[in-house]
Protein backbone atom coordinates (compact mmCIF):
# COMPACT_ATOMS: atom_id res chain seq x y z
CA ILE A 1 -160.12 38.81 -71.83
CA LEU A 2 -158.36 42.00 -72.88
CA ILE A 3 -160.70 44.46 -75.10
CA GLY A 4 -158.72 47.49 -76.14
CA LEU A 5 -159.77 50.71 -78.71
CA VAL A 6 -157.00 50.48 -81.91
CA GLY A 7 -158.12 53.44 -83.95
CA SER A 8 -161.21 53.93 -84.49
CA GLU A 9 -162.31 50.17 -84.17
CA MET A 10 -162.82 47.73 -81.09
CA CYS A 11 -159.96 44.73 -80.40
CA ILE A 12 -161.12 41.95 -78.38
CA ARG A 13 -158.19 39.69 -77.21
CA GLU A 14 -158.40 36.41 -75.40
CA ALA A 15 -155.12 34.82 -73.19
CA VAL A 16 -155.21 31.38 -73.10
CA THR A 17 -152.83 30.19 -70.28
CA GLU A 18 -152.71 26.39 -69.61
CA ALA A 19 -153.51 24.87 -66.21
CA LYS A 20 -149.81 23.13 -64.90
CA LYS A 21 -150.35 19.88 -64.72
CA ASP A 22 -150.66 17.95 -61.50
CA TYR A 23 -149.10 14.59 -61.01
CA SER A 24 -148.99 15.20 -56.70
CA LEU A 25 -149.60 11.60 -55.31
CA ARG A 26 -150.52 11.74 -51.31
CA LYS A 27 -151.91 9.17 -48.93
CA SER A 28 -155.92 9.12 -47.52
CA GLY A 29 -156.19 8.57 -44.23
CA ALA A 30 -153.69 7.66 -41.70
CA SER A 31 -150.31 6.14 -42.22
CA VAL A 32 -150.62 3.25 -40.19
CA LYS A 33 -154.22 0.78 -40.41
CA TYR A 34 -155.60 -1.67 -38.26
CA GLU A 35 -157.90 -4.44 -39.52
CA GLU A 36 -159.18 -7.50 -38.40
CA VAL A 37 -158.16 -11.16 -39.82
CA TRP A 38 -160.30 -12.38 -42.36
CA ASP A 39 -161.87 -9.06 -43.41
CA ASP A 40 -161.91 -7.09 -46.40
CA PHE A 41 -160.84 -3.21 -46.25
CA ASP A 42 -159.88 -1.12 -49.09
CA LEU A 43 -156.84 1.49 -49.13
CA GLU A 44 -156.93 4.68 -51.36
CA VAL A 45 -154.57 7.81 -52.35
CA LYS A 46 -155.41 11.15 -53.61
CA LYS A 47 -154.05 11.76 -56.71
CA GLY A 48 -153.07 14.44 -59.04
CA ASP A 49 -155.18 15.38 -62.10
CA SER A 50 -152.86 14.10 -64.31
CA ILE A 51 -151.99 10.72 -63.19
CA LYS A 52 -155.14 8.13 -64.84
CA GLU A 53 -156.34 5.37 -62.91
CA ASN A 54 -153.81 2.45 -64.43
CA GLN A 55 -151.03 3.69 -64.21
CA LEU A 56 -150.94 3.68 -60.25
CA LYS A 57 -149.57 0.09 -58.99
CA TRP A 58 -150.27 -1.38 -55.82
CA LYS A 59 -147.93 -3.91 -54.25
CA ILE A 60 -147.82 -5.96 -50.85
CA SER A 61 -144.63 -6.79 -49.22
CA ASN A 62 -145.99 -9.72 -47.74
CA PRO A 63 -148.76 -11.81 -49.41
CA ASP A 64 -149.31 -14.35 -46.92
CA ILE A 65 -150.44 -11.46 -44.84
CA VAL A 66 -152.81 -9.31 -46.85
CA ASP A 67 -153.70 -10.02 -50.14
CA PHE A 68 -155.21 -8.33 -52.98
CA ALA A 69 -159.24 -9.14 -52.39
CA ASN A 70 -159.71 -9.13 -56.31
CA TRP A 71 -158.30 -9.07 -59.52
CA LYS A 72 -157.98 -4.88 -59.24
CA LYS A 73 -154.14 -4.27 -58.23
CA THR A 74 -154.33 -0.30 -60.41
CA GLY A 75 -155.94 2.89 -59.35
CA HIS A 76 -156.86 5.26 -56.48
CA GLU A 77 -158.71 3.03 -54.19
CA VAL A 78 -157.84 -1.30 -54.10
CA ASP A 79 -159.51 -3.86 -52.30
CA PHE A 80 -157.60 -6.54 -49.95
CA TYR A 81 -158.14 -9.19 -47.78
CA ALA A 82 -156.44 -9.94 -44.63
CA LYS A 83 -155.35 -13.49 -44.21
CA LYS A 84 -153.03 -13.61 -40.87
CA CYS A 85 -151.87 -11.56 -37.75
CA GLY A 86 -149.15 -9.59 -38.52
CA THR A 87 -147.83 -6.28 -39.91
CA THR A 88 -147.02 -5.31 -44.03
CA LYS A 89 -146.47 -2.51 -46.20
CA ILE A 90 -148.43 -1.52 -49.00
CA THR A 91 -147.39 0.60 -51.75
CA CYS A 92 -149.24 2.60 -54.03
CA SER A 93 -146.66 3.86 -57.06
CA TYR A 94 -146.46 5.95 -59.97
CA THR A 95 -143.58 6.11 -62.41
CA ASN A 96 -143.86 8.81 -64.88
CA SER A 97 -142.38 9.19 -68.29
CA LYS A 98 -139.33 10.11 -67.21
CA GLY A 99 -138.89 7.11 -65.13
CA GLU A 100 -139.17 9.41 -62.05
CA LYS A 101 -141.46 7.30 -59.66
CA LYS A 102 -143.69 8.59 -56.59
CA SER A 103 -145.13 6.26 -53.90
CA VAL A 104 -146.88 6.35 -50.84
CA VAL A 105 -146.47 3.53 -48.30
CA TYR A 106 -149.13 2.32 -45.68
CA THR A 107 -148.15 -0.12 -42.64
CA VAL A 108 -151.08 -2.38 -42.18
CA LYS A 109 -151.15 -4.42 -38.76
CA VAL A 110 -153.85 -7.45 -39.18
CA VAL A 111 -154.94 -8.50 -35.33
CA ALA A 112 -157.45 -11.39 -34.42
CA ASP A 113 -160.85 -10.96 -34.71
CA ASP A 114 -162.48 -9.64 -31.32
CA ASP A 115 -165.92 -11.27 -32.07
CA ASP A 116 -164.29 -14.94 -31.93
């Protein structure tokens, strides 16, 4: 806010600056996750304020090892189910209106259940 004297009158001006849009996308936690077979787990990304939840899409490279735990396949946090031992990659991506894509990749290693 700028306050000044113009002639004999007080003048007040408000300068408004638009906030820069934040389209950042990054991992939350370690890049490699170890999960036990038959367990549910979630993965999460940290997204900029300008990215909407439904714009974040998750993809599993090998759904024989890990699958989605429920119908939800979008958003900053998604639940998964470890089906069998092995290693797979899970990607969360965002594509902006110009067709530019950002993504983060987690490596998930499913190991035998130690309790058995």
